């Protein structure tokens, strides 16, 4: 029984909820007409309705599991914070239709809340480590979003000087990220060992300015950023598990 109601069971239920809600977003937006690709025919509407209903039932089952016996109630507050982030993202999309980076960062604030929530579900604690995990994952996500946007906008950079001119904002963000990490570690808010998880993306970001411009290979960029995301996650978890 401990497998179902202990930490492994709670984590399994949490994964069921988060994945169901994540997968439900696109068909739901298609159903209500807020997505770029919308359901138009009767068959398409029926398909997205069934998909949304199935995923909603799966997430409801996971939530019932998590909250059974009035447990894990702090997840409600984390969920509310994530919901507010997604609401703000929707508003920003409507107000600044040409903006991409800002809505993505706001959305990332909601998505990365799962880091704190997962830690809370497993440990039962919503402490400094939980909040630092949320902050660390958000900072990493912001860095990735900015870097990908930079690579797209600087795809036709002619030389290194042109790259620096186009990437001044990202370069400043890199320096700010390193400064924030150093200050957080020096203040004891964040572990030095955990800060190492950011080293690969910081090196990647600064190194881009040093190499000669190359044509943008979007698939290679996607694979590279996926690798950095996985590496970041592994290093962060290891630093917490073995401080």
Foldseek 3Di string as FASTA:
>chain_A
DCCCQALVNLLVLLVQQLVLVVVLVVLVCQLVVNDPNHDDDPVSNVVSVVSNVVSVVSNVVSVCSQCPVHHLVVVVVLQVQLVVLLVVLVVCCVVPVPDDLVSQLSNLLSVLSVQLSSVCSNPVDNDLVSVVSSVVSSLLSSLLSLVLVLCVVCQPQQWLVSSCVSCVVSVVSLVVVVVVVVVCCVVVSDPPQLVVLCVVSSCVVVVVSVDTRDHDDPVVSVVVSVVSVVSSVVSNVCSVVPD
